[in-house]
Amino acid sequence: VTQNKVVTPQTPRSSSGVVTAANST
């Protein structure tokens, strides 16, 4: 961490997932 410096994302990412069953919890 460097004082007074803005930290921005360095690596663009995308991801996905699939749900098929119901969740009620």
PDBML (XML) file of the C-alpha atoms, coordinates in Angstrom:
<?xml version="1.0" encoding="UTF-8" ?>
<PDBx:datablock datablockName="MODEL"
   xmlns:PDBx="http://pdbml.pdb.org/schema/pdbx-v50.xsd"
   xmlns:xsi="http://www.w3.org/2001/XMLSchema-instance"
   xsi:schemaLocation="http://pdbml.pdb.org/schema/pdbx-v50.xsd pdbx-v50.xsd">
   <PDBx:atom_siteCategory>
      <PDBx:atom_site id="1">
         <PDBx:B_iso_or_equiv>0.00</PDBx:B_iso_or_equiv>
         <PDBx:Cartn_x>0.000</PDBx:Cartn_x>
         <PDBx:Cartn_y>0.000</PDBx:Cartn_y>
         <PDBx:Cartn_z>0.000</PDBx:Cartn_z>
         <PDBx:auth_asym_id>A</PDBx:auth_asym_id>
         <PDBx:auth_atom_id>CA</PDBx:auth_atom_id>
         <PDBx:auth_comp_id>VAL</PDBx:auth_comp_id>
         <PDBx:auth_seq_id>1</PDBx:auth_seq_id>
         <PDBx:group_PDB>ATOM</PDBx:group_PDB>
         <PDBx:label_alt_id xsi:nil="true" />
         <PDBx:label_asym_id>A</PDBx:label_asym_id>
         <PDBx:label_atom_id>CA</PDBx:label_atom_id>
         <PDBx:label_comp_id>VAL</PDBx:label_comp_id>
         <PDBx:label_entity_id>1</PDBx:label_entity_id>
         <PDBx:label_seq_id>1</PDBx:label_seq_id>
         <PDBx:occupancy>1.00</PDBx:occupancy>
         <PDBx:pdbx_PDB_model_num>1</PDBx:pdbx_PDB_model_num>
         <PDBx:type_symbol>C</PDBx:type_symbol>
      </PDBx:atom_site>
      <PDBx:atom_site id="2">
         <PDBx:B_iso_or_equiv>0.00</PDBx:B_iso_or_equiv>
         <PDBx:Cartn_x>1.329</PDBx:Cartn_x>
         <PDBx:Cartn_y>3.414</PDBx:Cartn_y>
         <PDBx:Cartn_z>-0.988</PDBx:Cartn_z>
         <PDBx:auth_asym_id>A</PDBx:auth_asym_id>
         <PDBx:auth_atom_id>CA</PDBx:auth_atom_id>
         <PDBx:auth_comp_id>THR</PDBx:auth_comp_id>
         <PDBx:auth_seq_id>2</PDBx:auth_seq_id>
         <PDBx:group_PDB>ATOM</PDBx:group_PDB>
         <PDBx:label_alt_id xsi:nil="true" />
         <PDBx:label_asym_id>A</PDBx:label_asym_id>
         <PDBx:label_atom_id>CA</PDBx:label_atom_id>
         <PDBx:label_comp_id>THR</PDBx:label_comp_id>
         <PDBx:label_entity_id>1</PDBx:label_entity_id>
         <PDBx:label_seq_id>2</PDBx:label_seq_id>
         <PDBx:occupancy>1.00</PDBx:occupancy>
         <PDBx:pdbx_PDB_model_num>1</PDBx:pdbx_PDB_model_num>
         <PDBx:type_symbol>C</PDBx:type_symbol>
      </PDBx:atom_site>
      <PDBx:atom_site id="3">
         <PDBx:B_iso_or_equiv>0.00</PDBx:B_iso_or_equiv>
         <PDBx:Cartn_x>0.027</PDBx:Cartn_x>
         <PDBx:Cartn_y>6.470</PDBx:Cartn_y>
         <PDBx:Cartn_z>0.865</PDBx:Cartn_z>
         <PDBx:auth_asym_id>A</PDBx:auth_asym_id>
         <PDBx:auth_atom_id>CA</PDBx:auth_atom_id>
         <PDBx:auth_comp_id>GLN</PDBx:auth_comp_id>
         <PDBx:auth_seq_id>3</PDBx:auth_seq_id>
         <PDBx:group_PDB>ATOM</PDBx:group_PDB>
         <PDBx:label_alt_id xsi:nil="true" />
         <PDBx:label_asym_id>A</PDBx:label_asym_id>
         <PDBx:label_atom_id>CA</PDBx:label_atom_id>
         <PDBx:label_comp_id>GLN</PDBx:label_comp_id>
         <PDBx:label_entity_id>1</PDBx:label_entity_id>
         <PDBx:label_seq_id>3</PDBx:label_seq_id>
         <PDBx:occupancy>1.00</PDBx:occupancy>
         <PDBx:pdbx_PDB_model_num>1</PDBx:pdbx_PDB_model_num>
         <PDBx:type_symbol>C</PDBx:type_symbol>
      </PDBx:atom_site>
      <PDBx:atom_site id="4">
         <PDBx:B_iso_or_equiv>0.00</PDBx:B_iso_or_equiv>
         <PDBx:Cartn_x>-2.229</PDBx:Cartn_x>
         <PDBx:Cartn_y>8.817</PDBx:Cartn_y>
         <PDBx:Cartn_z>-1.129</PDBx:Cartn_z>
         <PDBx:auth_asym_id>A</PDBx:auth_asym_id>
         <PDBx:auth_atom_id>CA</PDBx:auth_atom_id>
         <PDBx:auth_comp_id>ASN</PDBx:auth_comp_id>
         <PDBx:auth_seq_id>4</PDBx:auth_seq_id>
         <PDBx:group_PDB>ATOM</PDBx:group_PDB>
         <PDBx:label_alt_id xsi:nil="true" />
         <PDBx:label_asym_id>A</PDBx:label_asym_id>
         <PDBx:label_atom_id>CA</PDBx:label_atom_id>
         <PDBx:label_comp_id>ASN</PDBx:label_comp_id>
         <PDBx:label_entity_id>1</PDBx:label_entity_id>
         <PDBx:label_seq_id>4</PDBx:label_seq_id>
         <PDBx:occupancy>1.00</PDBx:occupancy>
         <PDBx:pdbx_PDB_model_num>1</PDBx:pdbx_PDB_model_num>
         <PDBx:type_symbol>C</PDBx:type_symbol>
      </PDBx:atom_site>
      <PDBx:atom_site id="5">
         <PDBx:B_iso_or_equiv>0.00</PDBx:B_iso_or_equiv>
         <PDBx:Cartn_x>-2.350</PDBx:Cartn_x>
         <PDBx:Cartn_y>6.610</PDBx:Cartn_y>
         <PDBx:Cartn_z>-4.217</PDBx:Cartn_z>
         <PDBx:auth_asym_id>A</PDBx:auth_asym_id>
         <PDBx:auth_atom_id>CA</PDBx:auth_atom_id>
         <PDBx:auth_comp_id>LYS</PDBx:auth_comp_id>
         <PDBx:auth_seq_id>5</PDBx:auth_seq_id>
         <PDBx:group_PDB>ATOM</PDBx:group_PDB>
         <PDBx:label_alt_id xsi:nil="true" />
         <PDBx:label_asym_id>A</PDBx:label_asym_id>
         <PDBx:label_atom_id>CA</PDBx:label_atom_id>
         <PDBx:label_comp_id>LYS</PDBx:label_comp_id>
         <PDBx:label_entity_id>1</PDBx:label_entity_id>
         <PDBx:label_seq_id>5</PDBx:label_seq_id>
         <PDBx:occupancy>1.00</PDBx:occupancy>
         <PDBx:pdbx_PDB_model_num>1</PDBx:pdbx_PDB_model_num>
         <PDBx:type_symbol>C</PDBx:type_symbol>
      </PDBx:atom_site>
      <PDBx:atom_site id="6">
         <PDBx:B_iso_or_equiv>0.00</PDBx:B_iso_or_equiv>
         <PDBx:Cartn_x>-5.538</PDBx:Cartn_x>
         <PDBx:Cartn_y>5.327</PDBx:Cartn_y>
         <PDBx:Cartn_z>-5.791</PDBx:Cartn_z>
         <PDBx:auth_asym_id>A</PDBx:auth_asym_id>
         <PDBx:auth_atom_id>CA</PDBx:auth_atom_id>
         <PDBx:auth_comp_id>VAL</PDBx:auth_comp_id>
         <PDBx:auth_seq_id>6</PDBx:auth_seq_id>
         <PDBx:group_PDB>ATOM</PDBx:group_PDB>
         <PDBx:label_alt_id xsi:nil="true" />
         <PDBx:label_asym_id>A</PDBx:label_asym_id>
         <PDBx:label_atom_id>CA</PDBx:label_atom_id>
         <PDBx:label_comp_id>VAL</PDBx:label_comp_id>
         <PDBx:label_entity_id>1</PDBx:label_entity_id>
         <PDBx:label_seq_id>6</PDBx:label_seq_id>
         <PDBx:occupancy>1.00</PDBx:occupancy>
         <PDBx:pdbx_PDB_model_num>1</PDBx:pdbx_PDB_model_num>
         <PDBx:type_symbol>C</PDBx:type_symbol>
      </PDBx:atom_site>
      <PDBx:atom_site id="7">
         <PDBx:B_iso_or_equiv>0.00</PDBx:B_iso_or_equiv>
         <PDBx:Cartn_x>-5.614</PDBx:Cartn_x>
         <PDBx:Cartn_y>1.554</PDBx:Cartn_y>
         <PDBx:Cartn_z>-6.155</PDBx:Cartn_z>
         <PDBx:auth_asym_id>A</PDBx:auth_asym_id>
         <PDBx:auth_atom_id>CA</PDBx:auth_atom_id>
         <PDBx:auth_comp_id>VAL</PDBx:auth_comp_id>
         <PDBx:auth_seq_id>7</PDBx:auth_seq_id>
         <PDBx:group_PDB>ATOM</PDBx:group_PDB>
         <PDBx:label_alt_id xsi:nil="true" />
         <PDBx:label_asym_id>A</PDBx:label_asym_id>
         <PDBx:label_atom_id>CA</PDBx:label_atom_id>
         <PDBx:label_comp_id>VAL</PDBx:label_comp_id>
         <PDBx:label_entity_id>1</PDBx:label_entity_id>
         <PDBx:label_seq_id>7</PDBx:label_seq_id>
         <PDBx:occupancy>1.00</PDBx:occupancy>
         <PDBx:pdbx_PDB_model_num>1</PDBx:pdbx_PDB_model_num>
         <PDBx:type_symbol>C</PDBx:type_symbol>
      </PDBx:atom_site>
      <PDBx:atom_site id="8">
         <PDBx:B_iso_or_equiv>0.00</PDBx:B_iso_or_equiv>
         <PDBx:Cartn_x>-7.522</PDBx:Cartn_x>
         <PDBx:Cartn_y>0.394</PDBx:Cartn_y>
         <PDBx:Cartn_z>-9.216</PDBx:Cartn_z>
         <PDBx:auth_asym_id>A</PDBx:auth_asym_id>
         <PDBx:auth_atom_id>CA</PDBx:auth_atom_id>
         <PDBx:auth_comp_id>THR</PDBx:auth_comp_id>
         <PDBx:auth_seq_id>8</PDBx:auth_seq_id>
         <PDBx:group_PDB>ATOM</PDBx:group_PDB>
         <PDBx:label_alt_id xsi:nil="true" />
         <PDBx:label_asym_id>A</PDBx:label_asym_id>
         <PDBx:label_atom_id>CA</PDBx:label_atom_id>
         <PDBx:label_comp_id>THR</PDBx:label_comp_id>
         <PDBx:label_entity_id>1</PDBx:label_entity_id>
         <PDBx:label_seq_id>8</PDBx:label_seq_id>
         <PDBx:occupancy>1.00</PDBx:occupancy>
         <PDBx:pdbx_PDB_model_num>1</PDBx:pdbx_PDB_model_num>
         <PDBx:type_symbol>C</PDBx:type_symbol>
      </PDBx:atom_site>
      <PDBx:atom_site id="9">
         <PDBx:B_iso_or_equiv>0.00</PDBx:B_iso_or_equiv>
         <PDBx:Cartn_x>-8.162</PDBx:Cartn_x>
         <PDBx:Cartn_y>-3.070</PDBx:Cartn_y>
         <PDBx:Cartn_z>-10.627</PDBx:Cartn_z>
         <PDBx:auth_asym_id>A</PDBx:auth_asym_id>
         <PDBx:auth_atom_id>CA</PDBx:auth_atom_id>
         <PDBx:auth_comp_id>PRO</PDBx:auth_comp_id>
         <PDBx:auth_seq_id>9</PDBx:auth_seq_id>
         <PDBx:group_PDB>ATOM</PDBx:group_PDB>
         <PDBx:label_alt_id xsi:nil="true" />
         <PDBx:label_asym_id>A</PDBx:label_asym_id>
         <PDBx:label_atom_id>CA</PDBx:label_atom_id>
         <PDBx:label_comp_id>PRO</PDBx:label_comp_id>
         <PDBx:label_entity_id>1</PDBx:label_entity_id>
         <PDBx:label_seq_id>9</PDBx:label_seq_id>
         <PDBx:occupancy>1.00</PDBx:occupancy>
         <PDBx:pdbx_PDB_model_num>1</PDBx:pdbx_PDB_model_num>
         <PDBx:type_symbol>C</PDBx:type_symbol>
      </PDBx:atom_site>
      <PDBx:atom_site id="10">
         <PDBx:B_iso_or_equiv>0.00</PDBx:B_iso_or_equiv>
         <PDBx:Cartn_x>-5.171</PDBx:Cartn_x>
         <PDBx:Cartn_y>-4.378</PDBx:Cartn_y>
         <PDBx:Cartn_z>-12.540</PDBx:Cartn_z>
         <PDBx:auth_asym_id>A</PDBx:auth_asym_id>
         <PDBx:auth_atom_id>CA</PDBx:auth_atom_id>
         <PDBx:auth_comp_id>GLN</PDBx:auth_comp_id>
         <PDBx:auth_seq_id>10</PDBx:auth_seq_id>
         <PDBx:group_PDB>ATOM</PDBx:group_PDB>
         <PDBx:label_alt_id xsi:nil="true" />
         <PDBx:label_asym_id>A</PDBx:label_asym_id>
         <PDBx:label_atom_id>CA</PDBx:label_atom_id>
         <PDBx:label_comp_id>GLN</PDBx:label_comp_id>
         <PDBx:label_entity_id>1</PDBx:label_entity_id>
         <PDBx:label_seq_id>10</PDBx:label_seq_id>
         <PDBx:occupancy>1.00</PDBx:occupancy>
         <PDBx:pdbx_PDB_model_num>1</PDBx:pdbx_PDB_model_num>
         <PDBx:type_symbol>C</PDBx:type_symbol>
      </PDBx:atom_site>
      <PDBx:atom_site id="11">
         <PDBx:B_iso_or_equiv>0.00</PDBx:B_iso_or_equiv>
         <PDBx:Cartn_x>-6.675</PDBx:Cartn_x>
         <PDBx:Cartn_y>-7.374</PDBx:Cartn_y>
         <PDBx:Cartn_z>-14.323</PDBx:Cartn_z>
         <PDBx:auth_asym_id>A</PDBx:auth_asym_id>
         <PDBx:auth_atom_id>CA</PDBx:auth_atom_id>
         <PDBx:auth_comp_id>THR</PDBx:auth_comp_id>
         <PDBx:auth_seq_id>11</PDBx:auth_seq_id>
         <PDBx:group_PDB>ATOM</PDBx:group_PDB>
         <PDBx:label_alt_id xsi:nil="true" />
         <PDBx:label_asym_id>A</PDBx:label_asym_id>
         <PDBx:label_atom_id>CA</PDBx:label_atom_id>
         <PDBx:label_comp_id>THR</PDBx:label_comp_id>
         <PDBx:label_entity_id>1</PDBx:label_entity_id>
         <PDBx:label_seq_id>11</PDBx:label_seq_id>
         <PDBx:occupancy>1.00</PDBx:occupancy>
         <PDBx:pdbx_PDB_model_num>1</PDBx:pdbx_PDB_model_num>
         <PDBx:type_symbol>C</PDBx:type_symbol>
      </PDBx:atom_site>
      <PDBx:atom_site id="12">
         <PDBx:B_iso_or_equiv>0.00</PDBx:B_iso_or_equiv>
         <PDBx:Cartn_x>-10.085</PDBx:Cartn_x>
         <PDBx:Cartn_y>-7.265</PDBx:Cartn_y>
         <PDBx:Cartn_z>-16.043</PDBx:Cartn_z>
         <PDBx:auth_asym_id>A</PDBx:auth_asym_id>
         <PDBx:auth_atom_id>CA</PDBx:auth_atom_id>
         <PDBx:auth_comp_id>PRO</PDBx:auth_comp_id>
         <PDBx:auth_seq_id>12</PDBx:auth_seq_id>
         <PDBx:group_PDB>ATOM</PDBx:group_PDB>
         <PDBx:label_alt_id xsi:nil="true" />
         <PDBx:label_asym_id>A</PDBx:label_asym_id>
         <PDBx:label_atom_id>CA</PDBx:label_atom_id>
         <PDBx:label_comp_id>PRO</PDBx:label_comp_id>
         <PDBx:label_entity_id>1</PDBx:label_entity_id>
         <PDBx:label_seq_id>12</PDBx:label_seq_id>
         <PDBx:occupancy>1.00</PDBx:occupancy>
         <PDBx:pdbx_PDB_model_num>1</PDBx:pdbx_PDB_model_num>
         <PDBx:type_symbol>C</PDBx:type_symbol>
      </PDBx:atom_site>
      <PDBx:atom_site id="13">
         <PDBx:B_iso_or_equiv>0.00</PDBx:B_iso_or_equiv>
         <PDBx:Cartn_x>-12.179</PDBx:Cartn_x>
         <PDBx:Cartn_y>-10.331</PDBx:Cartn_y>
         <PDBx:Cartn_z>-15.240</PDBx:Cartn_z>
         <PDBx:auth_asym_id>A</PDBx:auth_asym_id>
         <PDBx:auth_atom_id>CA</PDBx:auth_atom_id>
         <PDBx:auth_comp_id>ARG</PDBx:auth_comp_id>
         <PDBx:auth_seq_id>13</PDBx:auth_seq_id>
         <PDBx:group_PDB>ATOM</PDBx:group_PDB>
         <PDBx:label_alt_id xsi:nil="true" />
         <PDBx:label_asym_id>A</PDBx:label_asym_id>
         <PDBx:label_atom_id>CA</PDBx:label_atom_id>
         <PDBx:label_comp_id>ARG</PDBx:label_comp_id>
         <PDBx:label_entity_id>1</PDBx:label_entity_id>
         <PDBx:label_seq_id>13</PDBx:label_seq_id>
         <PDBx:occupancy>1.00</PDBx:occupancy>
         <PDBx:pdbx_PDB_model_num>1</PDBx:pdbx_PDB_model_num>
         <PDBx:type_symbol>C</PDBx:type_symbol>
      </PDBx:atom_site>
      <PDBx:atom_site id="14">
         <PDBx:B_iso_or_equiv>0.00</PDBx:B_iso_or_equiv>
         <PDBx:Cartn_x>-15.486</PDBx:Cartn_x>
         <PDBx:Cartn_y>-11.904</PDBx:Cartn_y>
         <PDBx:Cartn_z>-16.103</PDBx:Cartn_z>
         <PDBx:auth_asym_id>A</PDBx:auth_asym_id>
         <PDBx:auth_atom_id>CA</PDBx:auth_atom_id>
         <PDBx:auth_comp_id>SER</PDBx:auth_comp_id>
         <PDBx:auth_seq_id>14</PDBx:auth_seq_id>
         <PDBx:group_PDB>ATOM</PDBx:group_PDB>
         <PDBx:label_alt_id xsi:nil="true" />
         <PDBx:label_asym_id>A</PDBx:label_asym_id>
         <PDBx:label_atom_id>CA</PDBx:label_atom_id>
         <PDBx:label_comp_id>SER</PDBx:label_comp_id>
         <PDBx:label_entity_id>1</PDBx:label_entity_id>
         <PDBx:label_seq_id>14</PDBx:label_seq_id>
         <PDBx:occupancy>1.00</PDBx:occupancy>
         <PDBx:pdbx_PDB_model_num>1</PDBx:pdbx_PDB_model_num>
         <PDBx:type_symbol>C</PDBx:type_symbol>
      </PDBx:atom_site>
      <PDBx:atom_site id="15">
         <PDBx:B_iso_or_equiv>0.00</PDBx:B_iso_or_equiv>
         <PDBx:Cartn_x>-16.996</PDBx:Cartn_x>
         <PDBx:Cartn_y>-15.087</PDBx:Cartn_y>
         <PDBx:Cartn_z>-14.787</PDBx:Cartn_z>
         <PDBx:auth_asym_id>A</PDBx:auth_asym_id>
         <PDBx:auth_atom_id>CA</PDBx:auth_atom_id>
         <PDBx:auth_comp_id>SER</PDBx:auth_comp_id>
         <PDBx:auth_seq_id>15</PDBx:auth_seq_id>
         <PDBx:group_PDB>ATOM</PDBx:group_PDB>
         <PDBx:label_alt_id xsi:nil="true" />
         <PDBx:label_asym_id>A</PDBx:label_asym_id>
         <PDBx:label_atom_id>CA</PDBx:label_atom_id>
         <PDBx:label_comp_id>SER</PDBx:label_comp_id>
         <PDBx:label_entity_id>1</PDBx:label_entity_id>
         <PDBx:label_seq_id>15</PDBx:label_seq_id>
         <PDBx:occupancy>1.00</PDBx:occupancy>
         <PDBx:pdbx_PDB_model_num>1</PDBx:pdbx_PDB_model_num>
         <PDBx:type_symbol>C</PDBx:type_symbol>
      </PDBx:atom_site>
      <PDBx:atom_site id="16">
         <PDBx:B_iso_or_equiv>0.00</PDBx:B_iso_or_equiv>
         <PDBx:Cartn_x>-20.284</PDBx:Cartn_x>
         <PDBx:Cartn_y>-16.962</PDBx:Cartn_y>
         <PDBx:Cartn_z>-14.856</PDBx:Cartn_z>
         <PDBx:auth_asym_id>A</PDBx:auth_asym_id>
         <PDBx:auth_atom_id>CA</PDBx:auth_atom_id>
         <PDBx:auth_comp_id>SER</PDBx:auth_comp_id>
         <PDBx:auth_seq_id>16</PDBx:auth_seq_id>
         <PDBx:group_PDB>ATOM</PDBx:group_PDB>
         <PDBx:label_alt_id xsi:nil="true" />
         <PDBx:label_asym_id>A</PDBx:label_asym_id>
         <PDBx:label_atom_id>CA</PDBx:label_atom_id>
         <PDBx:label_comp_id>SER</PDBx:label_comp_id>
         <PDBx:label_entity_id>1</PDBx:label_entity_id>
         <PDBx:label_seq_id>16</PDBx:label_seq_id>
         <PDBx:occupancy>1.00</PDBx:occupancy>
         <PDBx:pdbx_PDB_model_num>1</PDBx:pdbx_PDB_model_num>
         <PDBx:type_symbol>C</PDBx:type_symbol>
      </PDBx:atom_site>
      <PDBx:atom_site id="17">
         <PDBx:B_iso_or_equiv>0.00</PDBx:B_iso_or_equiv>
         <PDBx:Cartn_x>-22.131</PDBx:Cartn_x>
         <PDBx:Cartn_y>-19.786</PDBx:Cartn_y>
         <PDBx:Cartn_z>-13.166</PDBx:Cartn_z>
         <PDBx:auth_asym_id>A</PDBx:auth_asym_id>
         <PDBx:auth_atom_id>CA</PDBx:auth_atom_id>
         <PDBx:auth_comp_id>GLY</PDBx:auth_comp_id>
         <PDBx:auth_seq_id>17</PDBx:auth_seq_id>
         <PDBx:group_PDB>ATOM</PDBx:group_PDB>
         <PDBx:label_alt_id xsi:nil="true" />
         <PDBx:label_asym_id>A</PDBx:label_asym_id>
         <PDBx:label_atom_id>CA</PDBx:label_atom_id>
         <PDBx:label_comp_id>GLY</PDBx:label_comp_id>
         <PDBx:label_entity_id>1</PDBx:label_entity_id>
         <PDBx:label_seq_id>17</PDBx:label_seq_id>
         <PDBx:occupancy>1.00</PDBx:occupancy>
         <PDBx:pdbx_PDB_model_num>1</PDBx:pdbx_PDB_model_num>
         <PDBx:type_symbol>C</PDBx:type_symbol>
      </PDBx:atom_site>
      <PDBx:atom_site id="18">
         <PDBx:B_iso_or_equiv>0.00</PDBx:B_iso_or_equiv>
         <PDBx:Cartn_x>-25.355</PDBx:Cartn_x>
         <PDBx:Cartn_y>-21.718</PDBx:Cartn_y>
         <PDBx:Cartn_z>-13.711</PDBx:Cartn_z>
         <PDBx:auth_asym_id>A</PDBx:auth_asym_id>
         <PDBx:auth_atom_id>CA</PDBx:auth_atom_id>
         <PDBx:auth_comp_id>VAL</PDBx:auth_comp_id>
         <PDBx:auth_seq_id>18</PDBx:auth_seq_id>
         <PDBx:group_PDB>ATOM</PDBx:group_PDB>
         <PDBx:label_alt_id xsi:nil="true" />
         <PDBx:label_asym_id>A</PDBx:label_asym_id>
         <PDBx:label_atom_id>CA</PDBx:label_atom_id>
         <PDBx:label_comp_id>VAL</PDBx:label_comp_id>
         <PDBx:label_entity_id>1</PDBx:label_entity_id>
         <PDBx:label_seq_id>18</PDBx:label_seq_id>
         <PDBx:occupancy>1.00</PDBx:occupancy>
         <PDBx:pdbx_PDB_model_num>1</PDBx:pdbx_PDB_model_num>
         <PDBx:type_symbol>C</PDBx:type_symbol>
      </PDBx:atom_site>
      <PDBx:atom_site id="19">
         <PDBx:B_iso_or_equiv>0.00</PDBx:B_iso_or_equiv>
         <PDBx:Cartn_x>-27.970</PDBx:Cartn_x>
         <PDBx:Cartn_y>-22.678</PDBx:Cartn_y>
         <PDBx:Cartn_z>-11.123</PDBx:Cartn_z>
         <PDBx:auth_asym_id>A</PDBx:auth_asym_id>
         <PDBx:auth_atom_id>CA</PDBx:auth_atom_id>
         <PDBx:auth_comp_id>VAL</PDBx:auth_comp_id>
         <PDBx:auth_seq_id>19</PDBx:auth_seq_id>
         <PDBx:group_PDB>ATOM</PDBx:group_PDB>
         <PDBx:label_alt_id xsi:nil="true" />
         <PDBx:label_asym_id>A</PDBx:label_asym_id>
         <PDBx:label_atom_id>CA</PDBx:label_atom_id>
         <PDBx:label_comp_id>VAL</PDBx:label_comp_id>
         <PDBx:label_entity_id>1</PDBx:label_entity_id>
         <PDBx:label_seq_id>19</PDBx:label_seq_id>
         <PDBx:occupancy>1.00</PDBx:occupancy>
         <PDBx:pdbx_PDB_model_num>1</PDBx:pdbx_PDB_model_num>
         <PDBx:type_symbol>C</PDBx:type_symbol>
      </PDBx:atom_site>
      <PDBx:atom_site id="20">
         <PDBx:B_iso_or_equiv>0.00</PDBx:B_iso_or_equiv>
         <PDBx:Cartn_x>-30.591</PDBx:Cartn_x>
         <PDBx:Cartn_y>-25.339</PDBx:Cartn_y>
         <PDBx:Cartn_z>-11.834</PDBx:Cartn_z>
         <PDBx:auth_asym_id>A</PDBx:auth_asym_id>
         <PDBx:auth_atom_id>CA</PDBx:auth_atom_id>
         <PDBx:auth_comp_id>THR</PDBx:auth_comp_id>
         <PDBx:auth_seq_id>20</PDBx:auth_seq_id>
         <PDBx:group_PDB>ATOM</PDBx:group_PDB>
         <PDBx:label_alt_id xsi:nil="true" />
         <PDBx:label_asym_id>A</PDBx:label_asym_id>
         <PDBx:label_atom_id>CA</PDBx:label_atom_id>
         <PDBx:label_comp_id>THR</PDBx:label_comp_id>
         <PDBx:label_entity_id>1</PDBx:label_entity_id>
         <PDBx:label_seq_id>20</PDBx:label_seq_id>
         <PDBx:occupancy>1.00</PDBx:occupancy>
         <PDBx:pdbx_PDB_model_num>1</PDBx:pdbx_PDB_model_num>
         <PDBx:type_symbol>C</PDBx:type_symbol>
      </PDBx:atom_site>
      <PDBx:atom_site id="21">
         <PDBx:B_iso_or_equiv>0.00</PDBx:B_iso_or_equiv>
         <PDBx:Cartn_x>-32.006</PDBx:Cartn_x>
         <PDBx:Cartn_y>-26.395</PDBx:Cartn_y>
         <PDBx:Cartn_z>-8.442</PDBx:Cartn_z>
         <PDBx:auth_asym_id>A</PDBx:auth_asym_id>
         <PDBx:auth_atom_id>CA</PDBx:auth_atom_id>
         <PDBx:auth_comp_id>ALA</PDBx:auth_comp_id>
         <PDBx:auth_seq_id>21</PDBx:auth_seq_id>
         <PDBx:group_PDB>ATOM</PDBx:group_PDB>
         <PDBx:label_alt_id xsi:nil="true" />
         <PDBx:label_asym_id>A</PDBx:label_asym_id>
         <PDBx:label_atom_id>CA</PDBx:label_atom_id>
         <PDBx:label_comp_id>ALA</PDBx:label_comp_id>
         <PDBx:label_entity_id>1</PDBx:label_entity_id>
         <PDBx:label_seq_id>21</PDBx:label_seq_id>
         <PDBx:occupancy>1.00</PDBx:occupancy>
         <PDBx:pdbx_PDB_model_num>1</PDBx:pdbx_PDB_model_num>
         <PDBx:type_symbol>C</PDBx:type_symbol>
      </PDBx:atom_site>
      <PDBx:atom_site id="22">
         <PDBx:B_iso_or_equiv>0.00</PDBx:B_iso_or_equiv>
         <PDBx:Cartn_x>-34.119</PDBx:Cartn_x>
         <PDBx:Cartn_y>-24.246</PDBx:Cartn_y>
         <PDBx:Cartn_z>-6.114</PDBx:Cartn_z>
         <PDBx:auth_asym_id>A</PDBx:auth_asym_id>
         <PDBx:auth_atom_id>CA</PDBx:auth_atom_id>
         <PDBx:auth_comp_id>ALA</PDBx:auth_comp_id>
         <PDBx:auth_seq_id>22</PDBx:auth_seq_id>
         <PDBx:group_PDB>ATOM</PDBx:group_PDB>
         <PDBx:label_alt_id xsi:nil="true" />
         <PDBx:label_asym_id>A</PDBx:label_asym_id>
         <PDBx:label_atom_id>CA</PDBx:label_atom_id>
         <PDBx:label_comp_id>ALA</PDBx:label_comp_id>
         <PDBx:label_entity_id>1</PDBx:label_entity_id>
         <PDBx:label_seq_id>22</PDBx:label_seq_id>
         <PDBx:occupancy>1.00</PDBx:occupancy>
         <PDBx:pdbx_PDB_model_num>1</PDBx:pdbx_PDB_model_num>
         <PDBx:type_symbol>C</PDBx:type_symbol>
      </PDBx:atom_site>
      <PDBx:atom_site id="23">
         <PDBx:B_iso_or_equiv>0.00</PDBx:B_iso_or_equiv>
         <PDBx:Cartn_x>-32.692</PDBx:Cartn_x>
         <PDBx:Cartn_y>-22.715</PDBx:Cartn_y>
         <PDBx:Cartn_z>-2.950</PDBx:Cartn_z>
         <PDBx:auth_asym_id>A</PDBx:auth_asym_id>
         <PDBx:auth_atom_id>CA</PDBx:auth_atom_id>
         <PDBx:auth_comp_id>ASN</PDBx:auth_comp_id>
         <PDBx:auth_seq_id>23</PDBx:auth_seq_id>
         <PDBx:group_PDB>ATOM</PDBx:group_PDB>
         <PDBx:label_alt_id xsi:nil="true" />
         <PDBx:label_asym_id>A</PDBx:label_asym_id>
         <PDBx:label_atom_id>CA</PDBx:label_atom_id>
         <PDBx:label_comp_id>ASN</PDBx:label_comp_id>
         <PDBx:label_entity_id>1</PDBx:label_entity_id>
         <PDBx:label_seq_id>23</PDBx:label_seq_id>
         <PDBx:occupancy>1.00</PDBx:occupancy>
         <PDBx:pdbx_PDB_model_num>1</PDBx:pdbx_PDB_model_num>
         <PDBx:type_symbol>C</PDBx:type_symbol>
      </PDBx:atom_site>
      <PDBx:atom_site id="24">
         <PDBx:B_iso_or_equiv>0.00</PDBx:B_iso_or_equiv>
         <PDBx:Cartn_x>-34.963</PDBx:Cartn_x>
         <PDBx:Cartn_y>-21.836</PDBx:Cartn_y>
         <PDBx:Cartn_z>-0.038</PDBx:Cartn_z>
         <PDBx:auth_asym_id>A</PDBx:auth_asym_id>
         <PDBx:auth_atom_id>CA</PDBx:auth_atom_id>
         <PDBx:auth_comp_id>SER</PDBx:auth_comp_id>
         <PDBx:auth_seq_id>24</PDBx:auth_seq_id>
         <PDBx:group_PDB>ATOM</PDBx:group_PDB>
         <PDBx:label_alt_id xsi:nil="true" />
         <PDBx:label_asym_id>A</PDBx:label_asym_id>
         <PDBx:label_atom_id>CA</PDBx:label_atom_id>
         <PDBx:label_comp_id>SER</PDBx:label_comp_id>
         <PDBx:label_entity_id>1</PDBx:label_entity_id>
         <PDBx:label_seq_id>24</PDBx:label_seq_id>
         <PDBx:occupancy>1.00</PDBx:occupancy>
         <PDBx:pdbx_PDB_model_num>1</PDBx:pdbx_PDB_model_num>
         <PDBx:type_symbol>C</PDBx:type_symbol>
      </PDBx:atom_site>
      <PDBx:atom_site id="25">
         <PDBx:B_iso_or_equiv>0.00</PDBx:B_iso_or_equiv>
         <PDBx:Cartn_x>-32.315</PDBx:Cartn_x>
         <PDBx:Cartn_y>-21.538</PDBx:Cartn_y>
         <PDBx:Cartn_z>2.681</PDBx:Cartn_z>
         <PDBx:auth_asym_id>A</PDBx:auth_asym_id>
         <PDBx:auth_atom_id>CA</PDBx:auth_atom_id>
         <PDBx:auth_comp_id>THR</PDBx:auth_comp_id>
         <PDBx:auth_seq_id>25</PDBx:auth_seq_id>
         <PDBx:group_PDB>ATOM</PDBx:group_PDB>
         <PDBx:label_alt_id xsi:nil="true" />
         <PDBx:label_asym_id>A</PDBx:label_asym_id>
         <PDBx:label_atom_id>CA</PDBx:label_atom_id>
         <PDBx:label_comp_id>THR</PDBx:label_comp_id>
         <PDBx:label_entity_id>1</PDBx:label_entity_id>
         <PDBx:label_seq_id>25</PDBx:label_seq_id>
         <PDBx:occupancy>1.00</PDBx:occupancy>
         <PDBx:pdbx_PDB_model_num>1</PDBx:pdbx_PDB_model_num>
         <PDBx:type_symbol>C</PDBx:type_symbol>
      </PDBx:atom_site>
   </PDBx:atom_siteCategory>
</PDBx:datablock>
